[in-house]
Amino acid sequence: MERSLARAQEQAERDQQVLAAADLLYLRFHLAEHAGRALDLREALARSADRLEQWPERHGEQAARLAEALGRAAYQTGDYLEATEQWSRALDLAESASERRVGVAARVGLGQIHYAMGAWNTGLRFHRDALLQLRPLNDSYLAAKVALNLGVGHLESQQLEDAERQFSHGLAAARRGGHREFEAEAHWHLARAALSRGQLPLAVADCRLALDIATRLHHHWLEGAASRTWTDIALARGDTQSAIRSCRHALELAERIQSRPQQLQAHLQLARLLEQQDQPAEALQHLWKYLALREHSEQQSQGIAGRSLAPQGPLDPASVGEGSSGTRSPSAR
């Protein structure tokens, strides 16, 4: 299907059908992201968005979709300033074009940016707003996306029952729509919640399901994230060597997909594990890499802190400072 869409897009571009070409490219991105290959089309999305800027009054819907997709690609690599700009633009264009689905997705993204800066309460408010906008729509994909992100905010705020309820909603929506990557993500988050409760058998079962689906989908982002949780599970079981192997695998995947947030977390985890194993030289190497990545993350957070991300009145941009800055990233996409 992706190859067919690519051929159709090339033909549309040769025929100078800018609108059709943008629609086909967005569909290609959607498929690629499901398979964990969002970055493959980042440059093509940027070129198409530049072409659409020549006719903003005619192609608002398409421009909104491309901006939202560009935000997702930037977010994966940890380019939070770029992601913020793209999602803010997507939200403005979506409001003008009455493109409700893009508006929901952009709100989810802006909430994730706040999560990345540790501003969990503000992120939750964006995601609750997204849920309100979603209710008139019959969209299982967005329903799963919103529920999983709400669950992450509750989990990080130590509201475990609310988190588990949202993860279960997300799992049900993912199964209803056949969105396998969200099904895997729901199991991963349920594993994290079970681990927080000390329910090790449940955590093992859910994390194995997440890893199995992610591996079969070749979804490296999700496989890497679940591998870091498997590291925590291995430690809880007293298996340090398995924890180190899993963490190394997570780092390899993060480097493959150029995800700075995942690299940052894996380097820190490895530094601590290797120090405990009396391997100070390698632990120090990972620590230096962690510090370099954290500096980049903090620069991103400082740049965002001065921006007003709120599209409407109730969100207070000053609450960006409510959590730790730049040292953590959200779990859901």
C-alpha atoms as a PDB file:
ATOM      1  CA  MET A   1       0.000   0.000   0.000  1.00  0.00           C
ATOM      2  CA  GLU A   2       2.832   2.397   0.850  1.00  0.00           C
ATOM      3  CA  ARG A   3       4.458   1.822  -2.544  1.00  0.00           C
ATOM      4  CA  SER A   4       1.139   2.395  -4.313  1.00  0.00           C
ATOM      5  CA  LEU A   5       0.646   5.642  -2.431  1.00  0.00           C
ATOM      6  CA  ALA A   6       4.197   6.731  -3.286  1.00  0.00           C
ATOM      7  CA  ARG A   7       3.587   6.132  -7.005  1.00  0.00           C
ATOM      8  CA  ALA A   8       0.292   8.014  -6.872  1.00  0.00           C
ATOM      9  CA  GLN A   9       1.970  10.907  -5.063  1.00  0.00           C
ATOM     10  CA  GLU A  10       4.741  11.101  -7.677  1.00  0.00           C
ATOM     11  CA  GLN A  11       2.145  11.196 -10.448  1.00  0.00           C
ATOM     12  CA  ALA A  12       0.188  13.926  -8.663  1.00  0.00           C
ATOM     13  CA  GLU A  13       3.359  15.985  -8.311  1.00  0.00           C
ATOM     14  CA  ARG A  14       4.175  15.553 -12.017  1.00  0.00           C
ATOM     15  CA  ASP A  15       0.640  16.730 -12.815  1.00  0.00           C
ATOM     16  CA  GLN A  16       1.137  19.662 -10.425  1.00  0.00           C
ATOM     17  CA  GLN A  17      -1.788  18.530  -8.291  1.00  0.00           C
ATOM     18  CA  VAL A  18      -0.417  19.996  -5.084  1.00  0.00           C
ATOM     19  CA  LEU A  19      -3.489  19.265  -3.001  1.00  0.00           C
ATOM     20  CA  ALA A  20      -3.707  15.586  -3.962  1.00  0.00           C
ATOM     21  CA  ALA A  21       0.051  15.115  -3.525  1.00  0.00           C
ATOM     22  CA  ALA A  22      -0.119  16.507   0.033  1.00  0.00           C
ATOM     23  CA  ASP A  23      -3.020  14.215   0.935  1.00  0.00           C
ATOM     24  CA  LEU A  24      -1.182  11.164  -0.392  1.00  0.00           C
ATOM     25  CA  LEU A  25       2.012  12.109   1.444  1.00  0.00           C
ATOM     26  CA  TYR A  26       0.107  12.450   4.711  1.00  0.00           C
ATOM     27  CA  LEU A  27      -1.358   8.969   4.241  1.00  0.00           C
ATOM     28  CA  ARG A  28       2.144   7.628   3.578  1.00  0.00           C
ATOM     29  CA  PHE A  29       3.397   9.244   6.778  1.00  0.00           C
ATOM     30  CA  HIS A  30       0.532   7.710   8.738  1.00  0.00           C
ATOM     31  CA  LEU A  31       1.471   4.240   7.500  1.00  0.00           C
ATOM     32  CA  ALA A  32       5.189   4.812   8.061  1.00  0.00           C
ATOM     33  CA  GLU A  33       4.632   6.010  11.605  1.00  0.00           C
ATOM     34  CA  HIS A  34       2.589   2.906  12.412  1.00  0.00           C
ATOM     35  CA  ALA A  35       5.661   0.895  11.454  1.00  0.00           C
ATOM     36  CA  GLY A  36       8.018   3.117  13.468  1.00  0.00           C
ATOM     37  CA  ARG A  37       9.479   4.869  10.390  1.00  0.00           C
ATOM     38  CA  ALA A  38       8.185   8.401  10.931  1.00  0.00           C
ATOM     39  CA  LEU A  39      11.524  10.028  10.127  1.00  0.00           C
ATOM     40  CA  ASP A  40      11.726   8.525   6.632  1.00  0.00           C
ATOM     41  CA  LEU A  41       9.333  11.159   5.269  1.00  0.00           C
ATOM     42  CA  ARG A  42      10.362  14.175   7.335  1.00  0.00           C
ATOM     43  CA  GLU A  43      12.102  16.006   4.468  1.00  0.00           C
ATOM     44  CA  ALA A  44       9.270  15.247   2.034  1.00  0.00           C
ATOM     45  CA  LEU A  45       6.742  16.619   4.541  1.00  0.00           C
ATOM     46  CA  ALA A  46       8.758  19.841   4.903  1.00  0.00           C
ATOM     47  CA  ARG A  47       8.950  20.316   1.116  1.00  0.00           C
ATOM     48  CA  SER A  48       5.235  19.744   0.703  1.00  0.00           C
ATOM     49  CA  ALA A  49       4.438  22.133   3.566  1.00  0.00           C
ATOM     50  CA  ASP A  50       6.569  24.818   1.906  1.00  0.00           C
ATOM     51  CA  ARG A  51       4.607  24.410  -1.336  1.00  0.00           C
ATOM     52  CA  LEU A  52       1.282  24.725   0.460  1.00  0.00           C
ATOM     53  CA  GLU A  53       2.340  27.990   2.114  1.00  0.00           C
ATOM     54  CA  GLN A  54       1.833  29.685  -1.251  1.00  0.00           C
ATOM     55  CA  TRP A  55      -1.938  29.141  -0.956  1.00  0.00           C
ATOM     56  CA  PRO A  56      -2.783  29.191   2.773  1.00  0.00           C
ATOM     57  CA  GLU A  57      -6.380  30.253   2.146  1.00  0.00           C
ATOM     58  CA  ARG A  58      -7.009  27.291  -0.196  1.00  0.00           C
ATOM     59  CA  HIS A  59      -5.133  24.440   1.439  1.00  0.00           C
ATOM     60  CA  GLY A  60      -5.623  25.034   5.159  1.00  0.00           C
ATOM     61  CA  GLU A  61      -6.693  21.457   5.920  1.00  0.00           C
ATOM     62  CA  GLN A  62      -3.702  19.929   4.145  1.00  0.00           C
ATOM     63  CA  ALA A  63      -1.272  22.408   5.680  1.00  0.00           C
ATOM     64  CA  ALA A  64      -2.662  21.618   9.147  1.00  0.00           C
ATOM     65  CA  ARG A  65      -2.152  17.876   8.625  1.00  0.00           C
ATOM     66  CA  LEU A  66       1.394  18.290   7.378  1.00  0.00           C
ATOM     67  CA  ALA A  67       2.299  20.587  10.290  1.00  0.00           C
ATOM     68  CA  GLU A  68       0.888  18.060  12.748  1.00  0.00           C
ATOM     69  CA  ALA A  69       2.911  15.273  11.114  1.00  0.00           C
ATOM     70  CA  LEU A  70       6.079  17.394  11.155  1.00  0.00           C
ATOM     71  CA  GLY A  71       5.501  17.977  14.861  1.00  0.00           C
ATOM     72  CA  ARG A  72       5.400  14.236  15.478  1.00  0.00           C
ATOM     73  CA  ALA A  73       8.626  13.669  13.545  1.00  0.00           C
ATOM     74  CA  ALA A  74      10.404  16.461  15.430  1.00  0.00           C
ATOM     75  CA  TYR A  75       9.127  15.173  18.765  1.00  0.00           C
ATOM     76  CA  GLN A  76      10.557  11.711  18.133  1.00  0.00           C
ATOM     77  CA  THR A  77      14.082  13.093  17.784  1.00  0.00           C
ATOM     78  CA  GLY A  78      13.699  15.392  20.805  1.00  0.00           C
ATOM     79  CA  ASP A  79      13.526  18.614  18.758  1.00  0.00           C
ATOM     80  CA  TYR A  80      10.906  20.046  21.091  1.00  0.00           C
ATOM     81  CA  LEU A  81      11.150  23.632  19.843  1.00  0.00           C
ATOM     82  CA  GLU A  82      10.431  22.486  16.293  1.00  0.00           C
ATOM     83  CA  ALA A  83       7.642  20.215  17.523  1.00  0.00           C
ATOM     84  CA  THR A  84       6.091  23.101  19.481  1.00  0.00           C
ATOM     85  CA  GLU A  85       6.158  25.403  16.468  1.00  0.00           C
ATOM     86  CA  GLN A  86       4.658  22.783  14.163  1.00  0.00           C
ATOM     87  CA  TRP A  87       1.909  21.715  16.569  1.00  0.00           C
ATOM     88  CA  SER A  88       1.010  25.324  17.390  1.00  0.00           C
ATOM     89  CA  ARG A  89       0.777  26.056  13.652  1.00  0.00           C
ATOM     90  CA  ALA A  90      -1.260  22.885  13.120  1.00  0.00           C
ATOM     91  CA  LEU A  91      -3.708  23.929  15.831  1.00  0.00           C
ATOM     92  CA  ASP A  92      -4.143  27.422  14.373  1.00  0.00           C
ATOM     93  CA  LEU A  93      -4.697  26.045  10.869  1.00  0.00           C
ATOM     94  CA  ALA A  94      -7.049  23.348  12.132  1.00  0.00           C
ATOM     95  CA  GLU A  95      -9.174  25.905  13.962  1.00  0.00           C
ATOM     96  CA  SER A  96      -9.391  28.068  10.815  1.00  0.00           C
ATOM     97  CA  ALA A  97     -10.230  25.096   8.572  1.00  0.00           C
ATOM     98  CA  SER A  98     -12.563  23.371  11.090  1.00  0.00           C
ATOM     99  CA  GLU A  99     -10.346  20.278  10.881  1.00  0.00           C
ATOM    100  CA  ARG A 100     -11.284  18.802  14.249  1.00  0.00           C
ATOM    101  CA  ARG A 101      -9.167  15.658  14.023  1.00  0.00           C
ATOM    102  CA  VAL A 102      -5.949  17.605  13.465  1.00  0.00           C
ATOM    103  CA  GLY A 103      -6.956  19.931  16.303  1.00  0.00           C
ATOM    104  CA  VAL A 104      -7.241  16.962  18.656  1.00  0.00           C
ATOM    105  CA  ALA A 105      -3.879  15.542  17.567  1.00  0.00           C
ATOM    106  CA  ALA A 106      -2.158  18.926  17.915  1.00  0.00           C
ATOM    107  CA  ARG A 107      -3.515  19.348  21.453  1.00  0.00           C
ATOM    108  CA  VAL A 108      -2.173  15.903  22.319  1.00  0.00           C
ATOM    109  CA  GLY A 109       1.231  16.933  20.980  1.00  0.00           C
ATOM    110  CA  LEU A 110       1.341  20.189  22.915  1.00  0.00           C
ATOM    111  CA  GLY A 111       0.411  18.279  26.051  1.00  0.00           C
ATOM    112  CA  GLN A 112       3.323  15.937  25.394  1.00  0.00           C
ATOM    113  CA  ILE A 113       5.665  18.923  25.199  1.00  0.00           C
ATOM    114  CA  HIS A 114       4.589  19.938  28.701  1.00  0.00           C
ATOM    115  CA  TYR A 115       5.105  16.349  29.871  1.00  0.00           C
ATOM    116  CA  ALA A 116       8.628  16.488  28.432  1.00  0.00           C
ATOM    117  CA  MET A 117       9.349  19.442  30.706  1.00  0.00           C
ATOM    118  CA  GLY A 118       7.837  17.748  33.752  1.00  0.00           C
ATOM    119  CA  ALA A 119       4.742  19.987  33.692  1.00  0.00           C
ATOM    120  CA  TRP A 120       2.371  17.062  34.171  1.00  0.00           C
ATOM    121  CA  ASN A 121      -0.694  19.024  35.335  1.00  0.00           C
ATOM    122  CA  THR A 122      -0.567  21.379  32.375  1.00  0.00           C
ATOM    123  CA  GLY A 123      -0.044  18.479  29.992  1.00  0.00           C
ATOM    124  CA  LEU A 124      -3.090  16.766  31.464  1.00  0.00           C
ATOM    125  CA  ARG A 125      -5.159  19.899  30.856  1.00  0.00           C
ATOM    126  CA  PHE A 126      -4.211  19.873  27.174  1.00  0.00           C
ATOM    127  CA  HIS A 127      -5.149  16.209  26.950  1.00  0.00           C
ATOM    128  CA  ARG A 128      -8.468  16.720  28.726  1.00  0.00           C
ATOM    129  CA  ASP A 129      -9.197  19.484  26.225  1.00  0.00           C
ATOM    130  CA  ALA A 130      -8.322  17.057  23.424  1.00  0.00           C
ATOM    131  CA  LEU A 131     -10.769  14.541  24.920  1.00  0.00           C
ATOM    132  CA  LEU A 132     -13.564  17.137  24.849  1.00  0.00           C
ATOM    133  CA  GLN A 133     -12.826  17.920  21.201  1.00  0.00           C
ATOM    134  CA  LEU A 134     -12.739  14.194  20.390  1.00  0.00           C
ATOM    135  CA  ARG A 135     -16.165  13.258  21.760  1.00  0.00           C
ATOM    136  CA  PRO A 136     -18.234  14.141  18.633  1.00  0.00           C
ATOM    137  CA  LEU A 137     -15.870  12.042  16.476  1.00  0.00           C
ATOM    138  CA  ASN A 138     -15.958   8.305  15.904  1.00  0.00           C
ATOM    139  CA  ASP A 139     -12.201   7.842  15.710  1.00  0.00           C
ATOM    140  CA  SER A 140     -10.652   4.838  17.448  1.00  0.00           C
ATOM    141  CA  TYR A 141      -7.111   5.941  16.544  1.00  0.00           C
ATOM    142  CA  LEU A 142      -7.427   9.314  18.275  1.00  0.00           C
ATOM    143  CA  ALA A 143      -9.415   7.747  21.137  1.00  0.00           C
ATOM    144  CA  ALA A 144      -6.502   5.392  21.833  1.00  0.00           C
ATOM    145  CA  LYS A 145      -3.949   8.188  21.469  1.00  0.00           C
ATOM    146  CA  VAL A 146      -5.741  10.545  23.865  1.00  0.00           C
ATOM    147  CA  ALA A 147      -6.432   7.844  26.463  1.00  0.00           C
ATOM    148  CA  LEU A 148      -2.808   6.649  26.519  1.00  0.00           C
ATOM    149  CA  ASN A 149      -1.498  10.179  26.934  1.00  0.00           C
ATOM    150  CA  LEU A 150      -3.972  10.942  29.702  1.00  0.00           C
ATOM    151  CA  GLY A 151      -2.834   7.747  31.386  1.00  0.00           C
ATOM    152  CA  VAL A 152       0.821   8.812  31.213  1.00  0.00           C
ATOM    153  CA  GLY A 153       0.009  12.102  32.925  1.00  0.00           C
ATOM    154  CA  HIS A 154      -1.860  10.304  35.708  1.00  0.00           C
ATOM    155  CA  LEU A 155       0.902   7.716  36.095  1.00  0.00           C
ATOM    156  CA  GLU A 156       3.604  10.358  36.459  1.00  0.00           C
ATOM    157  CA  SER A 157       1.373  12.209  38.946  1.00  0.00           C
ATOM    158  CA  GLN A 158       1.115   9.007  41.046  1.00  0.00           C
ATOM    159  CA  GLN A 159      -2.609   8.620  40.259  1.00  0.00           C
ATOM    160  CA  LEU A 160      -2.346   4.912  39.525  1.00  0.00           C
ATOM    161  CA  GLU A 161      -6.038   4.002  39.403  1.00  0.00           C
ATOM    162  CA  ASP A 162      -6.785   6.827  36.951  1.00  0.00           C
ATOM    163  CA  ALA A 163      -3.740   5.861  34.909  1.00  0.00           C
ATOM    164  CA  GLU A 164      -4.736   2.199  34.666  1.00  0.00           C
ATOM    165  CA  ARG A 165      -8.289   3.128  33.724  1.00  0.00           C
ATOM    166  CA  GLN A 166      -7.046   5.330  30.867  1.00  0.00           C
ATOM    167  CA  PHE A 167      -4.568   2.688  29.669  1.00  0.00           C
ATOM    168  CA  SER A 168      -7.430   0.170  29.590  1.00  0.00           C
ATOM    169  CA  HIS A 169      -9.548   2.630  27.576  1.00  0.00           C
ATOM    170  CA  GLY A 170      -6.636   3.068  25.210  1.00  0.00           C
ATOM    171  CA  LEU A 171      -6.197  -0.694  24.841  1.00  0.00           C
ATOM    172  CA  ALA A 172      -9.900  -1.159  24.076  1.00  0.00           C
ATOM    173  CA  ALA A 173      -9.877   1.611  21.449  1.00  0.00           C
ATOM    174  CA  ALA A 174      -6.709   0.204  19.877  1.00  0.00           C
ATOM    175  CA  ARG A 175      -8.228  -3.264  19.605  1.00  0.00           C
ATOM    176  CA  ARG A 176     -11.495  -1.850  18.277  1.00  0.00           C
ATOM    177  CA  GLY A 177      -9.697  -0.069  15.460  1.00  0.00           C
ATOM    178  CA  GLY A 178      -6.955  -2.630  14.854  1.00  0.00           C
ATOM    179  CA  HIS A 179      -4.196  -0.179  15.832  1.00  0.00           C
ATOM    180  CA  ARG A 180      -1.524  -2.681  16.803  1.00  0.00           C
ATOM    181  CA  GLU A 181       1.118  -0.148  17.784  1.00  0.00           C
ATOM    182  CA  PHE A 182      -1.268   1.445  20.290  1.00  0.00           C
ATOM    183  CA  GLU A 183      -2.219  -2.000  21.585  1.00  0.00           C
ATOM    184  CA  ALA A 184       1.460  -2.628  22.280  1.00  0.00           C
ATOM    185  CA  GLU A 185       1.865   0.794  23.844  1.00  0.00           C
ATOM    186  CA  ALA A 186      -1.099   0.187  26.153  1.00  0.00           C
ATOM    187  CA  HIS A 187       0.451  -3.078  27.361  1.00  0.00           C
ATOM    188  CA  TRP A 188       3.756  -1.292  27.940  1.00  0.00           C
ATOM    189  CA  HIS A 189       2.107   1.384  30.087  1.00  0.00           C
ATOM    190  CA  LEU A 190       0.073  -1.220  31.976  1.00  0.00           C
ATOM    191  CA  ALA A 191       3.386  -2.966  32.729  1.00  0.00           C
ATOM    192  CA  ARG A 192       4.790   0.285  34.084  1.00  0.00           C
ATOM    193  CA  ALA A 193       1.724   0.773  36.277  1.00  0.00           C
ATOM    194  CA  ALA A 194       1.896  -2.818  37.562  1.00  0.00           C
ATOM    195  CA  LEU A 195       5.584  -2.357  38.359  1.00  0.00           C
ATOM    196  CA  SER A 196       4.733   0.802  40.322  1.00  0.00           C
ATOM    197  CA  ARG A 197       2.300  -1.280  42.385  1.00  0.00           C
ATOM    198  CA  GLY A 198       4.869  -4.029  42.918  1.00  0.00           C
ATOM    199  CA  GLN A 199       2.760  -6.491  40.874  1.00  0.00           C
ATOM    200  CA  LEU A 200       5.714  -8.142  39.160  1.00  0.00           C
ATOM    201  CA  PRO A 201       3.890 -11.042  37.387  1.00  0.00           C
ATOM    202  CA  LEU A 202       1.450  -8.604  35.765  1.00  0.00           C
ATOM    203  CA  ALA A 203       4.292  -6.295  34.758  1.00  0.00           C
ATOM    204  CA  VAL A 204       6.166  -9.203  33.158  1.00  0.00           C
ATOM    205  CA  ALA A 205       3.116 -10.386  31.205  1.00  0.00           C
ATOM    206  CA  ASP A 206       2.205  -6.950  29.857  1.00  0.00           C
ATOM    207  CA  CYS A 207       5.760  -5.977  29.006  1.00  0.00           C
ATOM    208  CA  ARG A 208       6.284  -9.250  27.117  1.00  0.00           C
ATOM    209  CA  LEU A 209       3.142  -8.566  25.077  1.00  0.00           C
ATOM    210  CA  ALA A 210       4.343  -5.043  24.301  1.00  0.00           C
ATOM    211  CA  LEU A 211       7.778  -6.261  23.231  1.00  0.00           C
ATOM    212  CA  ASP A 212       6.325  -9.056  21.115  1.00  0.00           C
ATOM    213  CA  ILE A 213       3.992  -6.772  19.164  1.00  0.00           C
ATOM    214  CA  ALA A 214       6.590  -4.016  18.801  1.00  0.00           C
ATOM    215  CA  THR A 215       9.174  -6.473  17.503  1.00  0.00           C
ATOM    216  CA  ARG A 216       6.780  -7.957  14.970  1.00  0.00           C
ATOM    217  CA  LEU A 217       5.863  -4.465  13.768  1.00  0.00           C
ATOM    218  CA  HIS A 218       9.572  -3.467  13.597  1.00  0.00           C
ATOM    219  CA  HIS A 219       8.479  -0.472  15.710  1.00  0.00           C
ATOM    220  CA  HIS A 220      11.870   0.511  17.112  1.00  0.00           C
ATOM    221  CA  TRP A 221      10.647   3.466  19.211  1.00  0.00           C
ATOM    222  CA  LEU A 222       8.184   1.309  21.081  1.00  0.00           C
ATOM    223  CA  GLU A 223      10.506  -1.678  21.335  1.00  0.00           C
ATOM    224  CA  GLY A 224      13.204   0.553  22.834  1.00  0.00           C
ATOM    225  CA  ALA A 225      10.810   2.091  25.336  1.00  0.00           C
ATOM    226  CA  ALA A 226       9.476  -1.288  26.434  1.00  0.00           C
ATOM    227  CA  SER A 227      13.059  -2.612  26.671  1.00  0.00           C
ATOM    228  CA  ARG A 228      13.870   0.075  29.244  1.00  0.00           C
ATOM    229  CA  THR A 229      10.882  -1.059  31.272  1.00  0.00           C
ATOM    230  CA  TRP A 230      12.093  -4.648  30.922  1.00  0.00           C
ATOM    231  CA  THR A 231      15.365  -3.411  32.422  1.00  0.00           C
ATOM    232  CA  ASP A 232      13.426  -2.217  35.474  1.00  0.00           C
ATOM    233  CA  ILE A 233      11.600  -5.557  35.649  1.00  0.00           C
ATOM    234  CA  ALA A 234      14.888  -7.478  35.460  1.00  0.00           C
ATOM    235  CA  LEU A 235      16.277  -5.391  38.311  1.00  0.00           C
ATOM    236  CA  ALA A 236      13.164  -6.057  40.370  1.00  0.00           C
ATOM    237  CA  ARG A 237      13.767  -9.772  39.777  1.00  0.00           C
ATOM    238  CA  GLY A 238      17.418  -9.429  40.821  1.00  0.00           C
ATOM    239  CA  ASP A 239      18.786 -10.182  37.338  1.00  0.00           C
ATOM    240  CA  THR A 240      21.321  -7.402  36.784  1.00  0.00           C
ATOM    241  CA  GLN A 241      22.946  -8.930  33.697  1.00  0.00           C
ATOM    242  CA  SER A 242      19.594  -9.228  31.923  1.00  0.00           C
ATOM    243  CA  ALA A 243      18.872  -5.629  32.890  1.00  0.00           C
ATOM    244  CA  ILE A 244      22.132  -4.442  31.318  1.00  0.00           C
ATOM    245  CA  ARG A 245      21.493  -6.418  28.097  1.00  0.00           C
ATOM    246  CA  SER A 246      18.005  -4.994  27.803  1.00  0.00           C
ATOM    247  CA  CYS A 247      19.220  -1.454  28.415  1.00  0.00           C
ATOM    248  CA  ARG A 248      21.971  -1.808  25.807  1.00  0.00           C
ATOM    249  CA  HIS A 249      19.338  -2.983  23.327  1.00  0.00           C
ATOM    250  CA  ALA A 250      17.163   0.027  24.145  1.00  0.00           C
ATOM    251  CA  LEU A 251      20.106   2.356  23.534  1.00  0.00           C
ATOM    252  CA  GLU A 252      20.917   0.700  20.203  1.00  0.00           C
ATOM    253  CA  LEU A 253      17.317   1.174  19.041  1.00  0.00           C
ATOM    254  CA  ALA A 254      17.223   4.793  20.253  1.00  0.00           C
ATOM    255  CA  GLU A 255      20.374   5.572  18.299  1.00  0.00           C
ATOM    256  CA  ARG A 256      18.957   3.854  15.210  1.00  0.00           C
ATOM    257  CA  ILE A 257      15.860   6.082  15.182  1.00  0.00           C
ATOM    258  CA  GLN A 258      17.760   9.217  16.321  1.00  0.00           C
ATOM    259  CA  SER A 259      15.629   9.616  19.443  1.00  0.00           C
ATOM    260  CA  ARG A 260      17.588  11.863  21.794  1.00  0.00           C
ATOM    261  CA  PRO A 261      15.091  11.521  24.683  1.00  0.00           C
ATOM    262  CA  GLN A 262      15.360   7.722  24.615  1.00  0.00           C
ATOM    263  CA  GLN A 263      19.147   7.873  24.293  1.00  0.00           C
ATOM    264  CA  LEU A 264      19.309  10.191  27.294  1.00  0.00           C
ATOM    265  CA  GLN A 265      17.305   7.812  29.487  1.00  0.00           C
ATOM    266  CA  ALA A 266      19.223   4.724  28.329  1.00  0.00           C
ATOM    267  CA  HIS A 267      22.651   6.327  28.895  1.00  0.00           C
ATOM    268  CA  LEU A 268      21.715   7.327  32.446  1.00  0.00           C
ATOM    269  CA  GLN A 269      20.303   3.900  33.210  1.00  0.00           C
ATOM    270  CA  LEU A 270      23.439   2.195  31.852  1.00  0.00           C
ATOM    271  CA  ALA A 271      25.746   4.533  33.758  1.00  0.00           C
ATOM    272  CA  ARG A 272      24.083   3.595  37.031  1.00  0.00           C
ATOM    273  CA  LEU A 273      24.000  -0.128  36.270  1.00  0.00           C
ATOM    274  CA  LEU A 274      27.635  -0.306  35.156  1.00  0.00           C
ATOM    275  CA  GLU A 275      28.797   1.670  38.180  1.00  0.00           C
ATOM    276  CA  GLN A 276      27.082  -0.869  40.410  1.00  0.00           C
ATOM    277  CA  GLN A 277      28.902  -3.629  38.504  1.00  0.00           C
ATOM    278  CA  ASP A 278      32.318  -2.035  39.178  1.00  0.00           C
ATOM    279  CA  GLN A 279      32.792  -0.933  35.565  1.00  0.00           C
ATOM    280  CA  PRO A 280      33.561   2.757  36.208  1.00  0.00           C
ATOM    281  CA  ALA A 281      35.244   3.518  32.875  1.00  0.00           C
ATOM    282  CA  GLU A 282      32.279   2.521  30.733  1.00  0.00           C
ATOM    283  CA  ALA A 283      29.836   3.969  33.249  1.00  0.00           C
ATOM    284  CA  LEU A 284      31.632   7.319  32.957  1.00  0.00           C
ATOM    285  CA  GLN A 285      31.399   7.216  29.152  1.00  0.00           C
ATOM    286  CA  HIS A 286      27.634   6.795  29.347  1.00  0.00           C
ATOM    287  CA  LEU A 287      27.402   9.519  31.978  1.00  0.00           C
ATOM    288  CA  TRP A 288      29.210  12.029  29.737  1.00  0.00           C
ATOM    289  CA  LYS A 289      26.910  11.175  26.839  1.00  0.00           C
ATOM    290  CA  TYR A 290      23.915  11.589  29.125  1.00  0.00           C
ATOM    291  CA  LEU A 291      25.120  15.025  30.248  1.00  0.00           C
ATOM    292  CA  ALA A 292      25.627  16.173  26.645  1.00  0.00           C
ATOM    293  CA  LEU A 293      22.114  15.071  25.709  1.00  0.00           C
ATOM    294  CA  ARG A 294      20.655  16.670  28.835  1.00  0.00           C
ATOM    295  CA  GLU A 295      22.257  19.990  27.906  1.00  0.00           C
ATOM    296  CA  HIS A 296      20.473  19.835  24.550  1.00  0.00           C
ATOM    297  CA  SER A 297      17.202  18.949  26.292  1.00  0.00           C
ATOM    298  CA  GLU A 298      17.529  21.835  28.737  1.00  0.00           C
ATOM    299  CA  GLN A 299      18.190  24.277  25.902  1.00  0.00           C
ATOM    300  CA  GLN A 300      14.999  23.063  24.229  1.00  0.00           C
ATOM    301  CA  SER A 301      13.020  23.514  27.453  1.00  0.00           C
ATOM    302  CA  GLN A 302      14.369  27.025  28.040  1.00  0.00           C
ATOM    303  CA  GLY A 303      13.367  28.016  24.520  1.00  0.00           C
ATOM    304  CA  ILE A 304       9.856  26.666  24.989  1.00  0.00           C
ATOM    305  CA  ALA A 305       9.346  28.168  28.454  1.00  0.00           C
ATOM    306  CA  GLY A 306       9.058  31.660  27.013  1.00  0.00           C
ATOM    307  CA  ARG A 307       6.344  30.659  24.563  1.00  0.00           C
ATOM    308  CA  SER A 308       2.630  30.634  25.177  1.00  0.00           C
ATOM    309  CA  LEU A 309       1.454  27.200  24.035  1.00  0.00           C
ATOM    310  CA  ALA A 310      -2.130  27.728  25.092  1.00  0.00           C
ATOM    311  CA  PRO A 311      -4.540  28.193  22.164  1.00  0.00           C
ATOM    312  CA  GLN A 312      -7.302  29.338  24.520  1.00  0.00           C
ATOM    313  CA  GLY A 313      -7.692  30.976  27.883  1.00  0.00           C
ATOM    314  CA  PRO A 314      -7.711  28.231  30.532  1.00  0.00           C
ATOM    315  CA  LEU A 315      -4.136  27.021  30.042  1.00  0.00           C
ATOM    316  CA  ASP A 316      -1.469  28.964  31.896  1.00  0.00           C
ATOM    317  CA  PRO A 317       1.924  28.954  30.152  1.00  0.00           C
ATOM    318  CA  ALA A 318       3.570  30.019  33.397  1.00  0.00           C
ATOM    319  CA  SER A 319       2.913  26.518  34.708  1.00  0.00           C
ATOM    320  CA  VAL A 320       5.667  25.207  32.447  1.00  0.00           C
ATOM    321  CA  GLY A 321       7.885  25.523  35.491  1.00  0.00           C
ATOM    322  CA  GLU A 322       5.760  23.219  37.627  1.00  0.00           C
ATOM    323  CA  GLY A 323       8.074  20.217  37.133  1.00  0.00           C
ATOM    324  CA  SER A 324      11.657  19.305  36.389  1.00  0.00           C
ATOM    325  CA  SER A 325      13.052  20.830  33.230  1.00  0.00           C
ATOM    326  CA  GLY A 326      14.383  18.769  30.394  1.00  0.00           C
ATOM    327  CA  THR A 327      15.440  15.677  32.305  1.00  0.00           C
ATOM    328  CA  ARG A 328      12.409  13.560  31.530  1.00  0.00           C
ATOM    329  CA  SER A 329      10.330  12.907  28.480  1.00  0.00           C
ATOM    330  CA  PRO A 330       6.784  11.658  28.094  1.00  0.00           C
ATOM    331  CA  SER A 331       6.195   8.008  27.517  1.00  0.00           C
ATOM    332  CA  ALA A 332       3.390   8.160  24.984  1.00  0.00           C
ATOM    333  CA  ARG A 333       3.650   9.556  21.515  1.00  0.00           C
END
